[in-house]
């Protein structure tokens, strides 16, 4: 296999992964029709999901921020899309940060928590300073737009897991509310 053919195959696989991720992020008709019968359970599940995945939600926010800054000089500037994402999910991002800070304060004390969060932020920024490992600026912009249009915190949590994977994850992940209906 020639190098150019290998590159074309890899590019096709990455685009397929981005398309699969878009299907995960954009609500389907079945999800749109679903309505909770018990709002307390829904809120409880959402809080549990955000709490369990607070680190990845924070990392997703930082990854999108850093890559939007990196991509701002190219044709695929998505800073406006990142800003819309951050505004849409502000409450969830703040909740994830608060949970993470409380966990760190329990382990390291208040001052240690601040230092640990700063260290973690710098580490994440350095990790994504050269870009996302398998998504282009254009694909990240598209995903940021989709996340901005969808305010569901649980889908945000699942998207964080998908986008932060070292390699594309092609398996479809169902929304927990969808899975519980079967």
C-alpha atoms as a PDB file:
ATOM      1  CA  UNK A   1       0.000   0.000   0.000  1.00  0.00           C
ATOM      2  CA  UNK A   2       1.376   3.373  -0.957  1.00  0.00           C
ATOM      3  CA  UNK A   3       1.711   6.180   1.548  1.00  0.00           C
ATOM      4  CA  UNK A   4      -0.858   8.333  -0.258  1.00  0.00           C
ATOM      5  CA  UNK A   5      -3.411   5.508  -0.241  1.00  0.00           C
ATOM      6  CA  UNK A   6      -2.823   4.952   3.489  1.00  0.00           C
ATOM      7  CA  UNK A   7      -3.349   8.667   4.131  1.00  0.00           C
ATOM      8  CA  UNK A   8      -6.588   8.658   2.096  1.00  0.00           C
ATOM      9  CA  UNK A   9      -7.866   5.627   4.051  1.00  0.00           C
ATOM     10  CA  UNK A  10      -6.984   7.240   7.376  1.00  0.00           C
ATOM     11  CA  UNK A  11      -8.670  10.498   6.342  1.00  0.00           C
ATOM     12  CA  UNK A  12     -11.804   8.598   5.308  1.00  0.00           C
ATOM     13  CA  UNK A  13     -11.849   6.782   8.659  1.00  0.00           C
ATOM     14  CA  UNK A  14     -11.499  10.058  10.567  1.00  0.00           C
ATOM     15  CA  UNK A  15     -14.320  11.664   8.587  1.00  0.00           C
ATOM     16  CA  UNK A  16     -16.516   8.616   9.233  1.00  0.00           C
ATOM     17  CA  UNK A  17     -15.765   8.952  12.943  1.00  0.00           C
ATOM     18  CA  UNK A  18     -16.678  12.632  12.906  1.00  0.00           C
ATOM     19  CA  UNK A  19     -19.931  11.793  11.107  1.00  0.00           C
ATOM     20  CA  UNK A  20     -20.711   9.096  13.673  1.00  0.00           C
ATOM     21  CA  UNK A  21     -20.000  11.574  16.455  1.00  0.00           C
ATOM     22  CA  UNK A  22     -22.318  14.099  14.827  1.00  0.00           C
ATOM     23  CA  UNK A  23     -25.084  11.486  14.951  1.00  0.00           C
ATOM     24  CA  UNK A  24     -24.448  11.125  18.675  1.00  0.00           C
ATOM     25  CA  UNK A  25     -24.562  14.857  19.323  1.00  0.00           C
ATOM     26  CA  UNK A  26     -27.518  15.888  17.163  1.00  0.00           C
ATOM     27  CA  UNK A  27     -30.808  14.772  18.726  1.00  0.00           C
ATOM     28  CA  UNK A  28     -32.767  12.217  16.754  1.00  0.00           C
ATOM     29  CA  UNK A  29     -36.513  12.318  16.191  1.00  0.00           C
ATOM     30  CA  UNK A  30     -36.962   9.628  18.835  1.00  0.00           C
ATOM     31  CA  UNK A  31     -35.043  11.709  21.371  1.00  0.00           C
ATOM     32  CA  UNK A  32     -37.021  14.820  20.471  1.00  0.00           C
ATOM     33  CA  UNK A  33     -40.316  12.987  21.075  1.00  0.00           C
ATOM     34  CA  UNK A  34     -39.203  11.668  24.453  1.00  0.00           C
ATOM     35  CA  UNK A  35     -40.505  13.483  27.495  1.00  0.00           C
ATOM     36  CA  UNK A  36     -39.711  12.663  31.083  1.00  0.00           C
ATOM     37  CA  UNK A  37     -42.523  11.406  33.245  1.00  0.00           C
ATOM     38  CA  UNK A  38     -40.580  11.994  36.447  1.00  0.00           C
ATOM     39  CA  UNK A  39     -38.605  15.234  36.362  1.00  0.00           C
ATOM     40  CA  UNK A  40     -36.846  14.442  39.657  1.00  0.00           C
ATOM     41  CA  UNK A  41     -35.338  11.258  38.198  1.00  0.00           C
ATOM     42  CA  UNK A  42     -34.220  13.187  35.128  1.00  0.00           C
ATOM     43  CA  UNK A  43     -32.495  15.860  37.210  1.00  0.00           C
ATOM     44  CA  UNK A  44     -30.963  13.198  39.453  1.00  0.00           C
ATOM     45  CA  UNK A  45     -29.568  11.260  36.452  1.00  0.00           C
ATOM     46  CA  UNK A  46     -28.185  14.469  34.987  1.00  0.00           C
ATOM     47  CA  UNK A  47     -26.446  15.402  38.251  1.00  0.00           C
ATOM     48  CA  UNK A  48     -25.017  11.884  38.572  1.00  0.00           C
ATOM     49  CA  UNK A  49     -23.698  11.966  34.992  1.00  0.00           C
ATOM     50  CA  UNK A  50     -22.131  15.410  35.377  1.00  0.00           C
ATOM     51  CA  UNK A  51     -20.583  14.455  38.705  1.00  0.00           C
ATOM     52  CA  UNK A  52     -19.171  11.206  37.378  1.00  0.00           C
ATOM     53  CA  UNK A  53     -17.699  12.846  34.293  1.00  0.00           C
ATOM     54  CA  UNK A  54     -16.767  16.298  35.627  1.00  0.00           C
ATOM     55  CA  UNK A  55     -13.106  15.922  34.659  1.00  0.00           C
ATOM     56  CA  UNK A  56     -13.862  15.077  31.034  1.00  0.00           C
ATOM     57  CA  UNK A  57     -16.459  17.833  30.736  1.00  0.00           C
ATOM     58  CA  UNK A  58     -13.903  20.370  31.961  1.00  0.00           C
ATOM     59  CA  UNK A  59     -11.269  18.900  29.630  1.00  0.00           C
ATOM     60  CA  UNK A  60     -13.682  19.122  26.671  1.00  0.00           C
ATOM     61  CA  UNK A  61     -14.243  22.804  27.401  1.00  0.00           C
ATOM     62  CA  UNK A  62     -10.510  23.507  27.579  1.00  0.00           C
ATOM     63  CA  UNK A  63      -9.795  21.401  24.475  1.00  0.00           C
ATOM     64  CA  UNK A  64     -12.393  23.302  22.436  1.00  0.00           C
ATOM     65  CA  UNK A  65     -11.136  26.653  23.751  1.00  0.00           C
ATOM     66  CA  UNK A  66      -7.476  25.891  23.000  1.00  0.00           C
ATOM     67  CA  UNK A  67      -8.153  24.415  19.561  1.00  0.00           C
ATOM     68  CA  UNK A  68     -10.448  27.340  18.664  1.00  0.00           C
ATOM     69  CA  UNK A  69      -7.572  29.700  19.489  1.00  0.00           C
ATOM     70  CA  UNK A  70      -5.185  27.560  17.449  1.00  0.00           C
ATOM     71  CA  UNK A  71      -7.566  27.489  14.466  1.00  0.00           C
ATOM     72  CA  UNK A  72      -8.459  31.197  14.532  1.00  0.00           C
ATOM     73  CA  UNK A  73      -5.917  32.171  11.868  1.00  0.00           C
ATOM     74  CA  UNK A  74      -7.030  29.555   9.330  1.00  0.00           C
ATOM     75  CA  UNK A  75     -10.049  29.129   7.100  1.00  0.00           C
ATOM     76  CA  UNK A  76     -11.850  27.147   9.804  1.00  0.00           C
ATOM     77  CA  UNK A  77     -11.983  29.742  12.581  1.00  0.00           C
ATOM     78  CA  UNK A  78     -14.590  28.472  15.040  1.00  0.00           C
ATOM     79  CA  UNK A  79     -14.159  30.848  17.974  1.00  0.00           C
ATOM     80  CA  UNK A  80     -17.750  32.101  17.608  1.00  0.00           C
ATOM     81  CA  UNK A  81     -18.951  28.487  17.689  1.00  0.00           C
ATOM     82  CA  UNK A  82     -16.881  27.815  20.807  1.00  0.00           C
ATOM     83  CA  UNK A  83     -18.335  30.938  22.460  1.00  0.00           C
ATOM     84  CA  UNK A  84     -21.875  29.745  21.618  1.00  0.00           C
ATOM     85  CA  UNK A  85     -21.019  26.299  23.031  1.00  0.00           C
ATOM     86  CA  UNK A  86     -19.685  27.832  26.255  1.00  0.00           C
ATOM     87  CA  UNK A  87     -22.780  30.036  26.634  1.00  0.00           C
ATOM     88  CA  UNK A  88     -25.193  27.158  25.990  1.00  0.00           C
ATOM     89  CA  UNK A  89     -23.478  24.873  28.496  1.00  0.00           C
ATOM     90  CA  UNK A  90     -22.365  27.491  31.041  1.00  0.00           C
ATOM     91  CA  UNK A  91     -24.377  25.980  33.923  1.00  0.00           C
ATOM     92  CA  UNK A  92     -23.113  22.449  33.189  1.00  0.00           C
ATOM     93  CA  UNK A  93     -19.505  23.626  32.792  1.00  0.00           C
ATOM     94  CA  UNK A  94     -19.730  25.566  36.066  1.00  0.00           C
ATOM     95  CA  UNK A  95     -21.279  22.565  37.833  1.00  0.00           C
ATOM     96  CA  UNK A  96     -18.516  20.263  36.545  1.00  0.00           C
ATOM     97  CA  UNK A  97     -15.841  22.766  37.664  1.00  0.00           C
ATOM     98  CA  UNK A  98     -17.424  23.059  41.122  1.00  0.00           C
ATOM     99  CA  UNK A  99     -17.585  19.288  41.539  1.00  0.00           C
ATOM    100  CA  UNK A 100     -13.988  18.900  40.420  1.00  0.00           C
ATOM    101  CA  UNK A 101     -12.794  21.686  42.716  1.00  0.00           C
ATOM    102  CA  UNK A 102     -14.674  20.184  45.682  1.00  0.00           C
ATOM    103  CA  UNK A 103     -13.081  16.773  45.042  1.00  0.00           C
ATOM    104  CA  UNK A 104      -9.629  18.343  44.830  1.00  0.00           C
ATOM    105  CA  UNK A 105     -10.232  20.455  47.965  1.00  0.00           C
ATOM    106  CA  UNK A 106     -11.147  17.282  49.836  1.00  0.00           C
ATOM    107  CA  UNK A 107      -7.872  15.659  48.736  1.00  0.00           C
ATOM    108  CA  UNK A 108      -5.476  18.656  48.808  1.00  0.00           C
ATOM    109  CA  UNK A 109      -7.182  21.417  50.795  1.00  0.00           C
ATOM    110  CA  UNK A 110      -8.484  24.702  49.340  1.00  0.00           C
ATOM    111  CA  UNK A 111      -5.109  26.114  48.277  1.00  0.00           C
ATOM    112  CA  UNK A 112      -3.952  22.744  46.955  1.00  0.00           C
ATOM    113  CA  UNK A 113      -7.142  22.461  44.893  1.00  0.00           C
ATOM    114  CA  UNK A 114      -6.458  25.795  43.190  1.00  0.00           C
ATOM    115  CA  UNK A 115      -2.857  24.757  42.421  1.00  0.00           C
ATOM    116  CA  UNK A 116      -3.969  21.353  41.142  1.00  0.00           C
ATOM    117  CA  UNK A 117      -6.623  22.873  38.864  1.00  0.00           C
ATOM    118  CA  UNK A 118      -4.086  25.377  37.478  1.00  0.00           C
ATOM    119  CA  UNK A 119      -1.581  22.578  36.867  1.00  0.00           C
ATOM    120  CA  UNK A 120      -4.255  20.507  35.164  1.00  0.00           C
ATOM    121  CA  UNK A 121      -5.394  23.437  32.982  1.00  0.00           C
ATOM    122  CA  UNK A 122      -1.840  24.097  31.771  1.00  0.00           C
ATOM    123  CA  UNK A 123      -1.311  20.396  31.069  1.00  0.00           C
ATOM    124  CA  UNK A 124      -4.532  20.204  29.023  1.00  0.00           C
ATOM    125  CA  UNK A 125      -3.714  23.394  27.125  1.00  0.00           C
ATOM    126  CA  UNK A 126      -0.277  22.014  26.249  1.00  0.00           C
ATOM    127  CA  UNK A 127      -1.799  18.698  25.173  1.00  0.00           C
ATOM    128  CA  UNK A 128      -4.125  20.373  22.656  1.00  0.00           C
ATOM    129  CA  UNK A 129      -1.862  23.271  21.676  1.00  0.00           C
ATOM    130  CA  UNK A 130      -0.802  21.358  18.570  1.00  0.00           C
ATOM    131  CA  UNK A 131      -4.400  20.500  17.734  1.00  0.00           C
ATOM    132  CA  UNK A 132      -6.745  17.587  18.269  1.00  0.00           C
ATOM    133  CA  UNK A 133      -5.187  14.159  17.618  1.00  0.00           C
ATOM    134  CA  UNK A 134      -7.764  13.073  15.018  1.00  0.00           C
ATOM    135  CA  UNK A 135     -10.090  15.984  14.206  1.00  0.00           C
ATOM    136  CA  UNK A 136      -9.412  18.962  11.952  1.00  0.00           C
ATOM    137  CA  UNK A 137     -10.309  22.567  12.737  1.00  0.00           C
ATOM    138  CA  UNK A 138     -13.284  22.316  10.372  1.00  0.00           C
ATOM    139  CA  UNK A 139     -14.577  19.170  12.117  1.00  0.00           C
ATOM    140  CA  UNK A 140     -14.073  20.676  15.572  1.00  0.00           C
ATOM    141  CA  UNK A 141     -15.981  23.772  14.467  1.00  0.00           C
ATOM    142  CA  UNK A 142     -18.866  21.643  13.245  1.00  0.00           C
ATOM    143  CA  UNK A 143     -18.950  19.736  16.527  1.00  0.00           C
ATOM    144  CA  UNK A 144     -18.809  22.962  18.575  1.00  0.00           C
ATOM    145  CA  UNK A 145     -21.807  24.273  16.577  1.00  0.00           C
ATOM    146  CA  UNK A 146     -23.748  21.061  17.149  1.00  0.00           C
ATOM    147  CA  UNK A 147     -22.998  21.115  20.864  1.00  0.00           C
ATOM    148  CA  UNK A 148     -24.020  24.778  21.016  1.00  0.00           C
ATOM    149  CA  UNK A 149     -27.368  23.884  19.438  1.00  0.00           C
ATOM    150  CA  UNK A 150     -27.967  21.003  21.862  1.00  0.00           C
ATOM    151  CA  UNK A 151     -28.192  21.973  25.532  1.00  0.00           C
ATOM    152  CA  UNK A 152     -28.538  18.414  26.894  1.00  0.00           C
ATOM    153  CA  UNK A 153     -25.899  17.951  29.640  1.00  0.00           C
ATOM    154  CA  UNK A 154     -25.971  14.161  29.364  1.00  0.00           C
ATOM    155  CA  UNK A 155     -25.212  14.227  25.630  1.00  0.00           C
ATOM    156  CA  UNK A 156     -22.469  16.760  26.406  1.00  0.00           C
ATOM    157  CA  UNK A 157     -20.967  14.272  28.851  1.00  0.00           C
ATOM    158  CA  UNK A 158     -21.039  11.464  26.274  1.00  0.00           C
ATOM    159  CA  UNK A 159     -19.594  13.774  23.612  1.00  0.00           C
ATOM    160  CA  UNK A 160     -16.738  14.613  26.003  1.00  0.00           C
ATOM    161  CA  UNK A 161     -15.863  10.929  26.280  1.00  0.00           C
ATOM    162  CA  UNK A 162     -15.942  10.516  22.488  1.00  0.00           C
ATOM    163  CA  UNK A 163     -13.975  13.654  21.632  1.00  0.00           C
ATOM    164  CA  UNK A 164     -11.267  13.097  24.233  1.00  0.00           C
ATOM    165  CA  UNK A 165     -10.508   9.554  23.103  1.00  0.00           C
ATOM    166  CA  UNK A 166      -6.987   9.077  21.774  1.00  0.00           C
ATOM    167  CA  UNK A 167      -8.429   7.535  18.604  1.00  0.00           C
ATOM    168  CA  UNK A 168     -11.857   7.830  16.998  1.00  0.00           C
ATOM    169  CA  UNK A 169     -14.526   5.775  18.712  1.00  0.00           C
ATOM    170  CA  UNK A 170     -16.973   4.576  16.093  1.00  0.00           C
ATOM    171  CA  UNK A 171     -19.382   2.624  18.300  1.00  0.00           C
ATOM    172  CA  UNK A 172     -22.721   4.323  18.692  1.00  0.00           C
ATOM    173  CA  UNK A 173     -23.439   5.378  22.263  1.00  0.00           C
ATOM    174  CA  UNK A 174     -27.097   5.644  23.174  1.00  0.00           C
ATOM    175  CA  UNK A 175     -28.482   8.384  25.305  1.00  0.00           C
ATOM    176  CA  UNK A 176     -29.402   6.775  28.678  1.00  0.00           C
ATOM    177  CA  UNK A 177     -32.988   7.924  28.358  1.00  0.00           C
ATOM    178  CA  UNK A 178     -33.225   6.152  25.014  1.00  0.00           C
ATOM    179  CA  UNK A 179     -31.689   2.950  26.354  1.00  0.00           C
ATOM    180  CA  UNK A 180     -34.082   2.871  29.321  1.00  0.00           C
ATOM    181  CA  UNK A 181     -37.096   2.971  27.024  1.00  0.00           C
ATOM    182  CA  UNK A 182     -36.309  -0.404  25.439  1.00  0.00           C
END
